[in-house]
């Protein structure tokens, strides 16, 4: 066996080891990146007011008439008028929670912003 053949035999296992090792590092990096994304999601989801906890009012606010709207908006306002107890138990995610006095999903239907 020549020196070149011996050196080729030595290089092949070394290259395979480096490739395997590089693959392990890629896997570790992907796991760390995934963990970081999940951790950031949990940190910011807990601190950001994504939705408003549903807090019913007493007395319950009056909703607008569904006759003022057409299509899907009219259906939504009709549901709000027929089963307000359902909507007041649902948290609001429309972004209007920054308004003082907005306490649950039923409050979206006391004015026109529930239509859009």
PDB file of N, CA and C in Angstrom:
ATOM      1  N   UNK A   1       0.849  -1.170   0.000  1.00  0.00           N
ATOM      2  CA  UNK A   1       0.000   0.000   0.000  1.00  0.00           C
ATOM      3  C   UNK A   1       0.896   1.235   0.000  1.00  0.00           C
ATOM      4  N   UNK A   2       0.589   2.171  -0.870  1.00  0.00           N
ATOM      5  CA  UNK A   2       1.410   3.375  -0.983  1.00  0.00           C
ATOM      6  C   UNK A   2       1.044   4.374   0.103  1.00  0.00           C
ATOM      7  N   UNK A   3       1.872   5.379   0.254  1.00  0.00           N
ATOM      8  CA  UNK A   3       1.619   6.423   1.261  1.00  0.00           C
ATOM      9  C   UNK A   3       0.330   7.178   0.955  1.00  0.00           C
ATOM     10  N   UNK A   4       0.078   7.389  -0.350  1.00  0.00           N
ATOM     11  CA  UNK A   4      -1.121   8.127  -0.730  1.00  0.00           C
ATOM     12  C   UNK A   4      -2.377   7.350  -0.352  1.00  0.00           C
ATOM     13  N   UNK A   5      -2.391   6.030  -0.591  1.00  0.00           N
ATOM     14  CA  UNK A   5      -3.549   5.220  -0.234  1.00  0.00           C
ATOM     15  C   UNK A   5      -3.787   5.237   1.274  1.00  0.00           C
ATOM     16  N   UNK A   6      -2.666   5.181   2.049  1.00  0.00           N
ATOM     17  CA  UNK A   6      -2.804   5.216   3.501  1.00  0.00           C
ATOM     18  C   UNK A   6      -3.365   6.561   3.974  1.00  0.00           C
ATOM     19  N   UNK A   7      -2.891   7.650   3.376  1.00  0.00           N
ATOM     20  CA  UNK A   7      -3.377   8.965   3.791  1.00  0.00           C
ATOM     21  C   UNK A   7      -4.844   9.144   3.400  1.00  0.00           C
ATOM     22  N   UNK A   8      -5.276   8.591   2.238  1.00  0.00           N
ATOM     23  CA  UNK A   8      -6.683   8.663   1.835  1.00  0.00           C
ATOM     24  C   UNK A   8      -7.580   7.904   2.822  1.00  0.00           C
ATOM     25  N   UNK A   9      -7.115   6.728   3.287  1.00  0.00           N
ATOM     26  CA  UNK A   9      -7.887   5.952   4.242  1.00  0.00           C
ATOM     27  C   UNK A   9      -8.048   6.706   5.557  1.00  0.00           C
ATOM     28  N   UNK A  10      -6.990   7.419   5.968  1.00  0.00           N
ATOM     29  CA  UNK A  10      -7.054   8.169   7.210  1.00  0.00           C
ATOM     30  C   UNK A  10      -7.978   9.384   7.082  1.00  0.00           C
ATOM     31  N   UNK A  11      -7.986  10.003   5.908  1.00  0.00           N
ATOM     32  CA  UNK A  11      -8.796  11.200   5.708  1.00  0.00           C
ATOM     33  C   UNK A  11     -10.298  10.887   5.674  1.00  0.00           C
ATOM     34  N   UNK A  12     -10.661   9.757   5.097  1.00  0.00           N
ATOM     35  CA  UNK A  12     -12.087   9.433   4.966  1.00  0.00           C
ATOM     36  C   UNK A  12     -12.781   9.324   6.311  1.00  0.00           C
ATOM     37  N   UNK A  13     -12.257   8.567   7.275  1.00  0.00           N
ATOM     38  CA  UNK A  13     -12.943   8.540   8.567  1.00  0.00           C
ATOM     39  C   UNK A  13     -12.940   9.898   9.260  1.00  0.00           C
ATOM     40  N   UNK A  14     -11.877  10.645   9.105  1.00  0.00           N
ATOM     41  CA  UNK A  14     -11.815  11.967   9.728  1.00  0.00           C
ATOM     42  C   UNK A  14     -12.864  12.892   9.124  1.00  0.00           C
ATOM     43  N   UNK A  15     -13.038  12.869   7.810  1.00  0.00           N
ATOM     44  CA  UNK A  15     -14.058  13.698   7.157  1.00  0.00           C
ATOM     45  C   UNK A  15     -15.457  13.285   7.590  1.00  0.00           C
ATOM     46  N   UNK A  16     -15.684  11.970   7.695  1.00  0.00           N
ATOM     47  CA  UNK A  16     -16.991  11.486   8.130  1.00  0.00           C
ATOM     48  C   UNK A  16     -17.282  11.943   9.552  1.00  0.00           C
ATOM     49  N   UNK A  17     -16.262  11.908  10.411  1.00  0.00           N
ATOM     50  CA  UNK A  17     -16.434  12.358  11.792  1.00  0.00           C
ATOM     51  C   UNK A  17     -16.767  13.841  11.843  1.00  0.00           C
ATOM     52  N   UNK A  18     -16.069  14.639  11.036  1.00  0.00           N
ATOM     53  CA  UNK A  18     -16.325  16.083  11.007  1.00  0.00           C
ATOM     54  C   UNK A  18     -17.733  16.357  10.496  1.00  0.00           C
ATOM     55  N   UNK A  19     -18.169  15.616   9.477  1.00  0.00           N
ATOM     56  CA  UNK A  19     -19.530  15.811   8.952  1.00  0.00           C
ATOM     57  C   UNK A  19     -20.575  15.450  10.000  1.00  0.00           C
ATOM     58  N   UNK A  20     -20.352  14.321  10.709  1.00  0.00           N
ATOM     59  CA  UNK A  20     -21.289  13.929  11.765  1.00  0.00           C
ATOM     60  C   UNK A  20     -21.304  14.970  12.867  1.00  0.00           C
ATOM     61  N   UNK A  21     -20.136  15.447  13.234  1.00  0.00           N
ATOM     62  CA  UNK A  21     -20.034  16.438  14.299  1.00  0.00           C
ATOM     63  C   UNK A  21     -20.728  17.735  13.886  1.00  0.00           C
ATOM     64  N   UNK A  22     -20.551  18.140  12.631  1.00  0.00           N
ATOM     65  CA  UNK A  22     -21.211  19.346  12.134  1.00  0.00           C
ATOM     66  C   UNK A  22     -22.729  19.166  12.147  1.00  0.00           C
ATOM     67  N   UNK A  23     -23.198  17.981  11.812  1.00  0.00           N
ATOM     68  CA  UNK A  23     -24.640  17.710  11.841  1.00  0.00           C
ATOM     69  C   UNK A  23     -25.202  17.804  13.242  1.00  0.00           C
ATOM     70  N   UNK A  24     -24.439  17.333  14.238  1.00  0.00           N
ATOM     71  CA  UNK A  24     -24.877  17.427  15.629  1.00  0.00           C
ATOM     72  C   UNK A  24     -24.965  18.888  16.047  1.00  0.00           C
ATOM     73  N   UNK A  25     -23.987  19.691  15.637  1.00  0.00           N
ATOM     74  CA  UNK A  25     -24.011  21.117  15.986  1.00  0.00           C
ATOM     75  C   UNK A  25     -25.191  21.823  15.330  1.00  0.00           C
ATOM     76  N   UNK A  26     -25.522  21.438  14.128  1.00  0.00           N
ATOM     77  CA  UNK A  26     -26.698  22.022  13.473  1.00  0.00           C
ATOM     78  C   UNK A  26     -27.967  21.680  14.247  1.00  0.00           C
ATOM     79  N   UNK A  27     -28.064  20.440  14.696  1.00  0.00           N
ATOM     80  CA  UNK A  27     -29.215  20.004  15.467  1.00  0.00           C
ATOM     81  C   UNK A  27     -29.307  20.762  16.791  1.00  0.00           C
ATOM     82  N   UNK A  28     -28.186  20.931  17.467  1.00  0.00           N
ATOM     83  CA  UNK A  28     -28.161  21.672  18.728  1.00  0.00           C
ATOM     84  C   UNK A  28     -28.556  23.129  18.500  1.00  0.00           C
ATOM     85  N   UNK A  29     -28.022  23.741  17.439  1.00  0.00           N
ATOM     86  CA  UNK A  29     -28.353  25.136  17.133  1.00  0.00           C
ATOM     87  C   UNK A  29     -29.845  25.291  16.824  1.00  0.00           C
ATOM     88  N   UNK A  30     -30.411  24.348  16.084  1.00  0.00           N
ATOM     89  CA  UNK A  30     -31.845  24.410  15.769  1.00  0.00           C
ATOM     90  C   UNK A  30     -32.681  24.267  17.041  1.00  0.00           C
ATOM     91  N   UNK A  31     -32.274  23.368  17.939  1.00  0.00           N
ATOM     92  CA  UNK A  31     -33.007  23.183  19.197  1.00  0.00           C
ATOM     93  C   UNK A  31     -32.922  24.438  20.060  1.00  0.00           C
ATOM     94  N   UNK A  32     -31.766  25.063  20.118  1.00  0.00           N
ATOM     95  CA  UNK A  32     -31.611  26.293  20.894  1.00  0.00           C
ATOM     96  C   UNK A  32     -32.445  27.431  20.308  1.00  0.00           C
ATOM     97  N   UNK A  33     -32.442  27.551  18.984  1.00  0.00           N
ATOM     98  CA  UNK A  33     -33.229  28.606  18.332  1.00  0.00           C
ATOM     99  C   UNK A  33     -34.721  28.399  18.603  1.00  0.00           C
ATOM    100  N   UNK A  34     -35.177  27.166  18.512  1.00  0.00           N
ATOM    101  CA  UNK A  34     -36.580  26.865  18.784  1.00  0.00           C
ATOM    102  C   UNK A  34     -36.926  27.186  20.232  1.00  0.00           C
ATOM    103  N   UNK A  35     -36.048  26.807  21.138  1.00  0.00           N
ATOM    104  CA  UNK A  35     -36.278  27.102  22.561  1.00  0.00           C
ATOM    105  C   UNK A  35     -36.336  28.602  22.813  1.00  0.00           C
ATOM    106  N   UNK A  36     -35.472  29.355  22.144  1.00  0.00           N
ATOM    107  CA  UNK A  36     -35.463  30.805  22.302  1.00  0.00           C
ATOM    108  C   UNK A  36     -36.769  31.422  21.805  1.00  0.00           C
ATOM    109  N   UNK A  37     -37.251  30.969  20.665  1.00  0.00           N
ATOM    110  CA  UNK A  37     -38.502  31.492  20.116  1.00  0.00           C
ATOM    111  C   UNK A  37     -39.663  31.186  21.070  1.00  0.00           C
ATOM    112  N   UNK A  38     -39.713  29.968  21.582  1.00  0.00           N
ATOM    113  CA  UNK A  38     -40.783  29.599  22.509  1.00  0.00           C
ATOM    114  C   UNK A  38     -40.694  30.430  23.787  1.00  0.00           C
ATOM    115  N   UNK A  39     -39.481  30.594  24.309  1.00  0.00           N
ATOM    116  CA  UNK A  39     -39.301  31.385  25.530  1.00  0.00           C
ATOM    117  C   UNK A  39     -39.722  32.835  25.310  1.00  0.00           C
ATOM    118  N   UNK A  40     -39.343  33.425  24.187  1.00  0.00           N
ATOM    119  CA  UNK A  40     -39.739  34.806  23.899  1.00  0.00           C
ATOM    120  C   UNK A  40     -41.246  34.936  23.762  1.00  0.00           C
ATOM    121  N   UNK A  41     -41.862  33.947  23.135  1.00  0.00           N
ATOM    122  CA  UNK A  41     -43.318  33.972  22.999  1.00  0.00           C
ATOM    123  C   UNK A  41     -43.977  33.988  24.374  1.00  0.00           C
ATOM    124  N   UNK A  42     -43.531  33.116  25.269  1.00  0.00           N
ATOM    125  CA  UNK A  42     -44.143  33.049  26.591  1.00  0.00           C
ATOM    126  C   UNK A  42     -43.880  34.300  27.405  1.00  0.00           C
ATOM    127  N   UNK A  43     -42.696  34.874  27.258  1.00  0.00           N
ATOM    128  CA  UNK A  43     -42.370  36.087  28.008  1.00  0.00           C
ATOM    129  C   UNK A  43     -43.252  37.244  27.554  1.00  0.00           C
ATOM    130  N   UNK A  44     -43.324  37.447  26.233  1.00  0.00           N
ATOM    131  CA  UNK A  44     -44.080  38.583  25.720  1.00  0.00           C
ATOM    132  C   UNK A  44     -45.580  38.347  25.738  1.00  0.00           C
ATOM    133  N   UNK A  45     -46.012  37.101  25.628  1.00  0.00           N
ATOM    134  CA  UNK A  45     -47.452  36.819  25.692  1.00  0.00           C
ATOM    135  C   UNK A  45     -47.984  37.108  27.088  1.00  0.00           C
ATOM    136  N   UNK A  46     -47.168  36.914  28.104  1.00  0.00           N
ATOM    137  CA  UNK A  46     -47.606  37.176  29.464  1.00  0.00           C
ATOM    138  C   UNK A  46     -47.621  38.653  29.803  1.00  0.00           C
ATOM    139  N   UNK A  47     -46.774  39.444  29.141  1.00  0.00           N
ATOM    140  CA  UNK A  47     -46.678  40.854  29.491  1.00  0.00           C
ATOM    141  C   UNK A  47     -47.514  41.758  28.580  1.00  0.00           C
ATOM    142  N   UNK A  48     -47.898  41.275  27.426  1.00  0.00           N
ATOM    143  CA  UNK A  48     -48.657  42.075  26.464  1.00  0.00           C
ATOM    144  C   UNK A  48     -50.150  41.821  26.645  1.00  0.00           C
ATOM    145  N   UNK A  49     -50.977  42.845  26.681  1.00  0.00           N
ATOM    146  CA  UNK A  49     -52.418  42.622  26.846  1.00  0.00           C
ATOM    147  C   UNK A  49     -53.050  42.180  25.530  1.00  0.00           C
ATOM    148  N   UNK A  50     -52.852  40.913  25.144  1.00  0.00           N
ATOM    149  CA  UNK A  50     -53.379  40.418  23.861  1.00  0.00           C
ATOM    150  C   UNK A  50     -54.893  40.426  23.873  1.00  0.00           C
ATOM    151  N   UNK A  51     -55.457  40.201  24.974  1.00  0.00           N
ATOM    152  CA  UNK A  51     -56.907  40.184  25.061  1.00  0.00           C
ATOM    153  C   UNK A  51     -57.334  40.675  26.421  1.00  0.00           C
ATOM    154  N   UNK A  52     -58.573  40.929  26.503  1.00  0.00           N
ATOM    155  CA  UNK A  52     -59.129  41.457  27.737  1.00  0.00           C
ATOM    156  C   UNK A  52     -59.843  40.329  28.458  1.00  0.00           C
ATOM    157  N   UNK A  53     -59.598  40.146  29.742  1.00  0.00           N
ATOM    158  CA  UNK A  53     -60.381  39.125  30.439  1.00  0.00           C
ATOM    159  C   UNK A  53     -61.855  39.537  30.453  1.00  0.00           C
ATOM    160  N   UNK A  54     -62.702  38.571  30.258  1.00  0.00           N
ATOM    161  CA  UNK A  54     -64.139  38.863  30.188  1.00  0.00           C
ATOM    162  C   UNK A  54     -64.678  39.169  31.578  1.00  0.00           C
ATOM    163  N   UNK A  55     -65.155  40.386  31.740  1.00  0.00           N
ATOM    164  CA  UNK A  55     -65.754  40.814  33.000  1.00  0.00           C
ATOM    165  C   UNK A  55     -67.155  41.323  32.703  1.00  0.00           C
ATOM    166  N   UNK A  56     -68.187  40.562  33.088  1.00  0.00           N
ATOM    167  CA  UNK A  56     -69.559  41.002  32.814  1.00  0.00           C
ATOM    168  C   UNK A  56     -69.911  42.281  33.568  1.00  0.00           C
ATOM    169  N   UNK A  57     -70.852  43.029  33.008  1.00  0.00           N
ATOM    170  CA  UNK A  57     -71.343  44.260  33.646  1.00  0.00           C
ATOM    171  C   UNK A  57     -72.725  44.012  34.233  1.00  0.00           C
ATOM    172  N   UNK A  58     -73.051  44.805  35.216  1.00  0.00           N
ATOM    173  CA  UNK A  58     -74.393  44.776  35.755  1.00  0.00           C
ATOM    174  C   UNK A  58     -74.834  46.215  35.956  1.00  0.00           C
ATOM    175  N   UNK A  59     -75.735  46.743  35.221  1.00  0.00           N
ATOM    176  CA  UNK A  59     -76.568  46.118  34.200  1.00  0.00           C
ATOM    177  C   UNK A  59     -75.806  45.939  32.885  1.00  0.00           C
ATOM    178  N   UNK A  60     -76.287  45.013  32.106  1.00  0.00           N
ATOM    179  CA  UNK A  60     -75.682  44.689  30.812  1.00  0.00           C
ATOM    180  C   UNK A  60     -75.916  45.837  29.829  1.00  0.00           C
ATOM    181  N   UNK A  61     -74.893  46.240  29.045  1.00  0.00           N
ATOM    182  CA  UNK A  61     -75.081  47.338  28.092  1.00  0.00           C
ATOM    183  C   UNK A  61     -75.970  46.929  26.925  1.00  0.00           C
ATOM    184  N   UNK A  62     -76.657  47.899  26.360  1.00  0.00           N
ATOM    185  CA  UNK A  62     -77.532  47.649  25.206  1.00  0.00           C
ATOM    186  C   UNK A  62     -76.696  47.633  23.934  1.00  0.00           C
ATOM    187  N   UNK A  63     -77.022  46.702  23.044  1.00  0.00           N
ATOM    188  CA  UNK A  63     -76.315  46.621  21.764  1.00  0.00           C
ATOM    189  C   UNK A  63     -77.073  47.418  20.705  1.00  0.00           C
ATOM    190  N   UNK A  64     -76.372  47.742  19.636  1.00  0.00           N
ATOM    191  CA  UNK A  64     -77.029  48.438  18.526  1.00  0.00           C
ATOM    192  C   UNK A  64     -77.944  47.479  17.787  1.00  0.00           C
ATOM    193  N   UNK A  65     -78.915  48.013  17.109  1.00  0.00           N
ATOM    194  CA  UNK A  65     -79.869  47.207  16.358  1.00  0.00           C
ATOM    195  C   UNK A  65     -79.189  46.584  15.142  1.00  0.00           C
ATOM    196  N   UNK A  66     -79.451  45.303  14.859  1.00  0.00           N
ATOM    197  CA  UNK A  66     -78.892  44.675  13.659  1.00  0.00           C
ATOM    198  C   UNK A  66     -79.452  45.278  12.369  1.00  0.00           C
ATOM    199  N   UNK A  67     -80.565  46.018  12.457  1.00  0.00           N
ATOM    200  CA  UNK A  67     -81.161  46.637  11.270  1.00  0.00           C
ATOM    201  C   UNK A  67     -80.280  47.761  10.708  1.00  0.00           C
ATOM    202  N   UNK A  68     -79.330  48.233  11.504  1.00  0.00           N
ATOM    203  CA  UNK A  68     -78.420  49.287  11.038  1.00  0.00           C
ATOM    204  C   UNK A  68     -77.325  48.752  10.123  1.00  0.00           C
ATOM    205  N   UNK A  69     -77.218  47.418  10.007  1.00  0.00           N
ATOM    206  CA  UNK A  69     -76.108  46.797   9.276  1.00  0.00           C
ATOM    207  C   UNK A  69     -76.631  45.838   8.220  1.00  0.00           C
ATOM    208  N   UNK A  70     -75.737  45.407   7.347  1.00  0.00           N
ATOM    209  CA  UNK A  70     -76.084  44.422   6.324  1.00  0.00           C
ATOM    210  C   UNK A  70     -75.086  43.266   6.377  1.00  0.00           C
ATOM    211  N   UNK A  71     -75.484  42.135   5.792  1.00  0.00           N
ATOM    212  CA  UNK A  71     -74.581  40.989   5.644  1.00  0.00           C
ATOM    213  C   UNK A  71     -74.155  40.366   6.963  1.00  0.00           C
ATOM    214  N   UNK A  72     -72.864  40.005   7.031  1.00  0.00           N
ATOM    215  CA  UNK A  72     -72.313  39.332   8.203  1.00  0.00           C
ATOM    216  C   UNK A  72     -72.346  40.222   9.447  1.00  0.00           C
ATOM    217  N   UNK A  73     -72.178  41.514   9.262  1.00  0.00           N
ATOM    218  CA  UNK A  73     -72.226  42.433  10.407  1.00  0.00           C
ATOM    219  C   UNK A  73     -73.615  42.404  11.041  1.00  0.00           C
ATOM    220  N   UNK A  74     -74.656  42.348  10.231  1.00  0.00           N
ATOM    221  CA  UNK A  74     -76.022  42.284  10.761  1.00  0.00           C
ATOM    222  C   UNK A  74     -76.225  41.000  11.553  1.00  0.00           C
ATOM    223  N   UNK A  75     -75.666  39.880  11.049  1.00  0.00           N
ATOM    224  CA  UNK A  75     -75.772  38.611  11.774  1.00  0.00           C
ATOM    225  C   UNK A  75     -75.073  38.707  13.132  1.00  0.00           C
ATOM    226  N   UNK A  76     -73.892  39.295  13.141  1.00  0.00           N
ATOM    227  CA  UNK A  76     -73.128  39.413  14.390  1.00  0.00           C
ATOM    228  C   UNK A  76     -73.872  40.278  15.402  1.00  0.00           C
ATOM    229  N   UNK A  77     -74.447  41.396  14.949  1.00  0.00           N
ATOM    230  CA  UNK A  77     -75.181  42.260  15.869  1.00  0.00           C
ATOM    231  C   UNK A  77     -76.477  41.595  16.346  1.00  0.00           C
ATOM    232  N   UNK A  78     -77.082  40.765  15.490  1.00  0.00           N
ATOM    233  CA  UNK A  78     -78.285  40.044  15.907  1.00  0.00           C
ATOM    234  C   UNK A  78     -77.928  39.019  17.000  1.00  0.00           C
ATOM    235  N   UNK A  79     -76.813  38.326  16.828  1.00  0.00           N
ATOM    236  CA  UNK A  79     -76.367  37.368  17.846  1.00  0.00           C
ATOM    237  C   UNK A  79     -76.064  38.093  19.155  1.00  0.00           C
ATOM    238  N   UNK A  80     -75.425  39.250  19.041  1.00  0.00           N
ATOM    239  CA  UNK A  80     -75.113  40.023  20.247  1.00  0.00           C
ATOM    240  C   UNK A  80     -76.387  40.461  20.962  1.00  0.00           C
ATOM    241  N   UNK A  81     -77.424  40.728  20.204  1.00  0.00           N
ATOM    242  CA  UNK A  81     -78.695  41.158  20.806  1.00  0.00           C
ATOM    243  C   UNK A  81     -79.454  39.970  21.403  1.00  0.00           C
ATOM    244  N   UNK A  82     -79.361  38.803  20.744  1.00  0.00           N
ATOM    245  CA  UNK A  82     -80.121  37.634  21.191  1.00  0.00           C
ATOM    246  C   UNK A  82     -79.468  36.891  22.354  1.00  0.00           C
ATOM    247  N   UNK A  83     -78.153  36.794  22.364  1.00  0.00           N
ATOM    248  CA  UNK A  83     -77.460  36.044  23.422  1.00  0.00           C
ATOM    249  C   UNK A  83     -76.304  36.869  24.008  1.00  0.00           C
ATOM    250  N   UNK A  84     -76.629  37.984  24.639  1.00  0.00           N
ATOM    251  CA  UNK A  84     -75.557  38.821  25.181  1.00  0.00           C
ATOM    252  C   UNK A  84     -74.771  38.124  26.297  1.00  0.00           C
ATOM    253  N   UNK A  85     -75.423  37.206  27.004  1.00  0.00           N
ATOM    254  CA  UNK A  85     -74.726  36.500  28.085  1.00  0.00           C
ATOM    255  C   UNK A  85     -73.570  35.652  27.555  1.00  0.00           C
ATOM    256  N   UNK A  86     -73.670  35.196  26.318  1.00  0.00           N
ATOM    257  CA  UNK A  86     -72.578  34.446  25.705  1.00  0.00           C
ATOM    258  C   UNK A  86     -71.395  35.362  25.396  1.00  0.00           C
ATOM    259  N   UNK A  87     -71.684  36.495  24.773  1.00  0.00           N
ATOM    260  CA  UNK A  87     -70.604  37.411  24.391  1.00  0.00           C
ATOM    261  C   UNK A  87     -69.925  38.067  25.590  1.00  0.00           C
ATOM    262  N   UNK A  88     -70.661  38.290  26.663  1.00  0.00           N
ATOM    263  CA  UNK A  88     -70.030  38.936  27.811  1.00  0.00           C
ATOM    264  C   UNK A  88     -69.103  37.989  28.567  1.00  0.00           C
ATOM    265  N   UNK A  89     -69.146  36.709  28.252  1.00  0.00           N
ATOM    266  CA  UNK A  89     -68.225  35.746  28.849  1.00  0.00           C
ATOM    267  C   UNK A  89     -66.969  35.541  27.998  1.00  0.00           C
ATOM    268  N   UNK A  90     -66.948  36.151  26.818  1.00  0.00           N
ATOM    269  CA  UNK A  90     -65.821  35.973  25.893  1.00  0.00           C
ATOM    270  C   UNK A  90     -64.860  37.147  25.991  1.00  0.00           C
ATOM    271  N   UNK A  91     -63.555  36.860  26.121  1.00  0.00           N
ATOM    272  CA  UNK A  91     -62.585  37.959  26.122  1.00  0.00           C
ATOM    273  C   UNK A  91     -62.553  38.640  24.759  1.00  0.00           C
ATOM    274  N   UNK A  92     -62.168  39.888  24.741  1.00  0.00           N
ATOM    275  CA  UNK A  92     -62.106  40.661  23.506  1.00  0.00           C
ATOM    276  C   UNK A  92     -60.676  40.692  22.987  1.00  0.00           C
ATOM    277  N   UNK A  93     -60.501  40.476  21.682  1.00  0.00           N
ATOM    278  CA  UNK A  93     -59.177  40.510  21.062  1.00  0.00           C
ATOM    279  C   UNK A  93     -59.112  41.541  19.933  1.00  0.00           C
ATOM    280  N   UNK A  94     -60.058  42.456  19.880  1.00  0.00           N
ATOM    281  CA  UNK A  94     -60.106  43.391  18.748  1.00  0.00           C
ATOM    282  C   UNK A  94     -59.171  44.586  18.922  1.00  0.00           C
ATOM    283  N   UNK A  95     -58.595  44.749  20.081  1.00  0.00           N
ATOM    284  CA  UNK A  95     -57.680  45.872  20.302  1.00  0.00           C
ATOM    285  C   UNK A  95     -58.331  47.063  20.955  1.00  0.00           C
ATOM    286  N   UNK A  96     -59.633  47.033  21.162  1.00  0.00           N
ATOM    287  CA  UNK A  96     -60.324  48.177  21.756  1.00  0.00           C
ATOM    288  C   UNK A  96     -60.224  48.176  23.270  1.00  0.00           C
ATOM    289  N   UNK A  97     -59.509  47.197  23.831  1.00  0.00           N
ATOM    290  CA  UNK A  97     -59.357  47.133  25.287  1.00  0.00           C
ATOM    291  C   UNK A  97     -58.600  48.325  25.841  1.00  0.00           C
ATOM    292  N   UNK A  98     -58.011  49.134  24.967  1.00  0.00           N
ATOM    293  CA  UNK A  98     -57.320  50.337  25.436  1.00  0.00           C
ATOM    294  C   UNK A  98     -58.324  51.416  25.855  1.00  0.00           C
ATOM    295  N   UNK A  99     -59.571  51.274  25.407  1.00  0.00           N
ATOM    296  CA  UNK A  99     -60.614  52.228  25.805  1.00  0.00           C
ATOM    297  C   UNK A  99     -61.071  51.924  27.225  1.00  0.00           C
ATOM    298  N   UNK A 100     -61.165  52.920  28.056  1.00  0.00           N
ATOM    299  CA  UNK A 100     -61.678  52.660  29.400  1.00  0.00           C
ATOM    300  C   UNK A 100     -63.145  52.239  29.319  1.00  0.00           C
ATOM    301  N   UNK A 101     -63.520  51.304  30.128  1.00  0.00           N
ATOM    302  CA  UNK A 101     -64.900  50.853  30.133  1.00  0.00           C
ATOM    303  C   UNK A 101     -65.166  49.651  29.259  1.00  0.00           C
ATOM    304  N   UNK A 102     -64.234  49.275  28.412  1.00  0.00           N
ATOM    305  CA  UNK A 102     -64.422  48.090  27.567  1.00  0.00           C
ATOM    306  C   UNK A 102     -64.025  46.875  28.393  1.00  0.00           C
ATOM    307  N   UNK A 103     -64.986  46.004  28.683  1.00  0.00           N
ATOM    308  CA  UNK A 103     -64.716  44.912  29.623  1.00  0.00           C
ATOM    309  C   UNK A 103     -64.882  43.521  29.046  1.00  0.00           C
ATOM    310  N   UNK A 104     -65.571  43.367  27.916  1.00  0.00           N
ATOM    311  CA  UNK A 104     -65.749  42.044  27.321  1.00  0.00           C
ATOM    312  C   UNK A 104     -66.175  42.195  25.871  1.00  0.00           C
ATOM    313  N   UNK A 105     -66.417  41.075  25.208  1.00  0.00           N
ATOM    314  CA  UNK A 105     -66.740  41.089  23.780  1.00  0.00           C
ATOM    315  C   UNK A 105     -68.085  41.747  23.491  1.00  0.00           C
ATOM    316  N   UNK A 106     -68.989  41.730  24.413  1.00  0.00           N
ATOM    317  CA  UNK A 106     -70.289  42.376  24.206  1.00  0.00           C
ATOM    318  C   UNK A 106     -70.120  43.880  24.015  1.00  0.00           C
ATOM    319  N   UNK A 107     -69.125  44.469  24.651  1.00  0.00           N
ATOM    320  CA  UNK A 107     -68.891  45.905  24.519  1.00  0.00           C
ATOM    321  C   UNK A 107     -68.541  46.304  23.075  1.00  0.00           C
ATOM    322  N   UNK A 108     -68.068  45.370  22.279  1.00  0.00           N
ATOM    323  CA  UNK A 108     -67.773  45.674  20.864  1.00  0.00           C
ATOM    324  C   UNK A 108     -69.053  45.971  20.080  1.00  0.00           C
ATOM    325  N   UNK A 109     -70.183  45.510  20.589  1.00  0.00           N
ATOM    326  CA  UNK A 109     -71.444  45.655  19.877  1.00  0.00           C
ATOM    327  C   UNK A 109     -72.333  46.763  20.431  1.00  0.00           C
ATOM    328  N   UNK A 110     -71.792  47.574  21.321  1.00  0.00           N
ATOM    329  CA  UNK A 110     -72.558  48.720  21.810  1.00  0.00           C
ATOM    330  C   UNK A 110     -72.329  49.954  20.942  1.00  0.00           C
ATOM    331  N   UNK A 111     -71.366  49.860  20.031  1.00  0.00           N
ATOM    332  CA  UNK A 111     -71.143  50.917  19.043  1.00  0.00           C
ATOM    333  C   UNK A 111     -70.839  50.257  17.697  1.00  0.00           C
ATOM    334  N   UNK A 112     -70.395  51.018  16.717  1.00  0.00           N
ATOM    335  CA  UNK A 112     -70.221  50.509  15.361  1.00  0.00           C
ATOM    336  C   UNK A 112     -68.906  49.771  15.116  1.00  0.00           C
ATOM    337  N   UNK A 113     -67.990  49.725  16.061  1.00  0.00           N
ATOM    338  CA  UNK A 113     -66.704  49.114  15.729  1.00  0.00           C
ATOM    339  C   UNK A 113     -66.780  47.590  15.652  1.00  0.00           C
ATOM    340  N   UNK A 114     -67.864  46.971  16.098  1.00  0.00           N
ATOM    341  CA  UNK A 114     -68.041  45.532  15.936  1.00  0.00           C
ATOM    342  C   UNK A 114     -68.291  45.140  14.488  1.00  0.00           C
ATOM    343  N   UNK A 115     -68.643  46.087  13.648  1.00  0.00           N
ATOM    344  CA  UNK A 115     -68.943  45.806  12.234  1.00  0.00           C
ATOM    345  C   UNK A 115     -67.709  45.800  11.360  1.00  0.00           C
ATOM    346  N   UNK A 116     -66.629  46.342  11.830  1.00  0.00           N
ATOM    347  CA  UNK A 116     -65.477  46.475  10.941  1.00  0.00           C
ATOM    348  C   UNK A 116     -64.296  45.837  11.470  1.00  0.00           C
TER     349      UNK A 116
END
